């Protein structure tokens, strides 16, 4: 019997607000433990929460970007459970009346685009952080700096068919929240955390199987590995006559297995009830319209515009629009270069290479859009060739010097004098009589050898197009 997986994802998106969801404490990452707390986020008696307006603005942004229904009235609730890093014994969240419902997120799959339904997106606060490092022998360290940080939890419909689609869903969401400026999307640091609900059923059966929740997947690769492992495990257990238990598992990346942590809770286990210290959240059309005016151009729209306006391929447009920062850098460079294709090639080649090697952000590198535009202008004006352009780029990336100054200092200005090139050509032919004879006898691949020798003799300054033309005339 063949089985098919059914996958739904729950993604916690940590918002880039300066202060927490219900108090004025800072959300700065990496601060000393327990220095960003107050009576509200520590849950002390008599301390009352006050909703951070920016949290709602960010939620509305994501709602508009995912075409979700934005509730005119949503309710905060208490989600009750006991854990060491939850100081109040409950978490302020939203339950039956969330702020966003019935949205969708488009992903790219091997078979084309696919829209995954979004059941709900709700506001909640984060918990503290438990520390089980060697510092705490036979004990657990607790850091409450993160406690109360604003989150949006986004719950997908169970419409994801395999691990590749799950990875594509998270990648698309990460790109979207970065474009919106509401989250940095860092899986490794936990500012985006993904839980997967996985079940399997016989192909053709409508009823879902028993789901297992998998946590602790801190990279796209681990998401894929964990889901693939859990699907295989469940199918094997069913074939062996075992009953699938509804449990929450942790993904152990070192061993490549899922490990049961606790039995899976249902909503009744959390004893939800309305938060008595917060009034209902009311969002009107004016508020939505104000937020909508702040929305940036979204990734799909930018990708399509790059294809239409700049005549770039779907691949190039996808690479350049994958990051808002790269897309902005590309368009800023175009103001100086006026050549979309050449600009795209250098951004996707040299710029992305430098970013990978240096681990810098694009706005931190010394090759500013203006300087890259100057390199492209020199290239388009045939003052330099492609190899010289790369040499100049590397020098500017290291020193920040102006490209034309580098060109003159290194003697990289392209030679367009046909007489000078004719001299180099004659010298190369004279120095390589055997290769000339072999070429005449039919070894046409030797043309590349002659090209290389001439470029070497000219120290890379000869114009390759002119060299090729002269070489064809001479050898043929």
Foldseek 3Di string as FASTA:
>chain_A
DDKFKFKKKKKKAFWPDQAFAFDRFGLDPPDDFQPGDDCVLLVHPPDFTDGDVVLVLLVLLVCVVQVWDFDQWFFWKWQAADDPQRNNRTWTKGDPGFGTAFGWFWFQDPVGIDIWTWGGKHKIADTWDWAPDPVDDPDIDTGGSRRRGIIIIIIIDRPQGALVSVLRRLLRVCLQCQQQNTHNSQLQVPSMWMKMWMFMDHPPDPDTAATEIEGDQRHSVSSRLARVQVVVVRVVCVVVVHHDFHFYWYQDPVVSYTHGDGHDDDSVVRVMDTDPSDDIDGDDPVNSVVSVVVRDQGLVNQLVCCCVVQVDDSVLSNVQSSHPQSVVQLVLLCVLQVHNVVSSVCSVPVVVVCCVVVVDRSVPFLCGSNQLSVLNVCCVVQQADPVLSSVLVVVCRVPSDRSVVVCVVVVGGADPDLVVLVVLLVVLCVVCVVLLVVVVVPPVVCLVVSLVSSCVVVVNRYDSVSNSVVSVVVSD
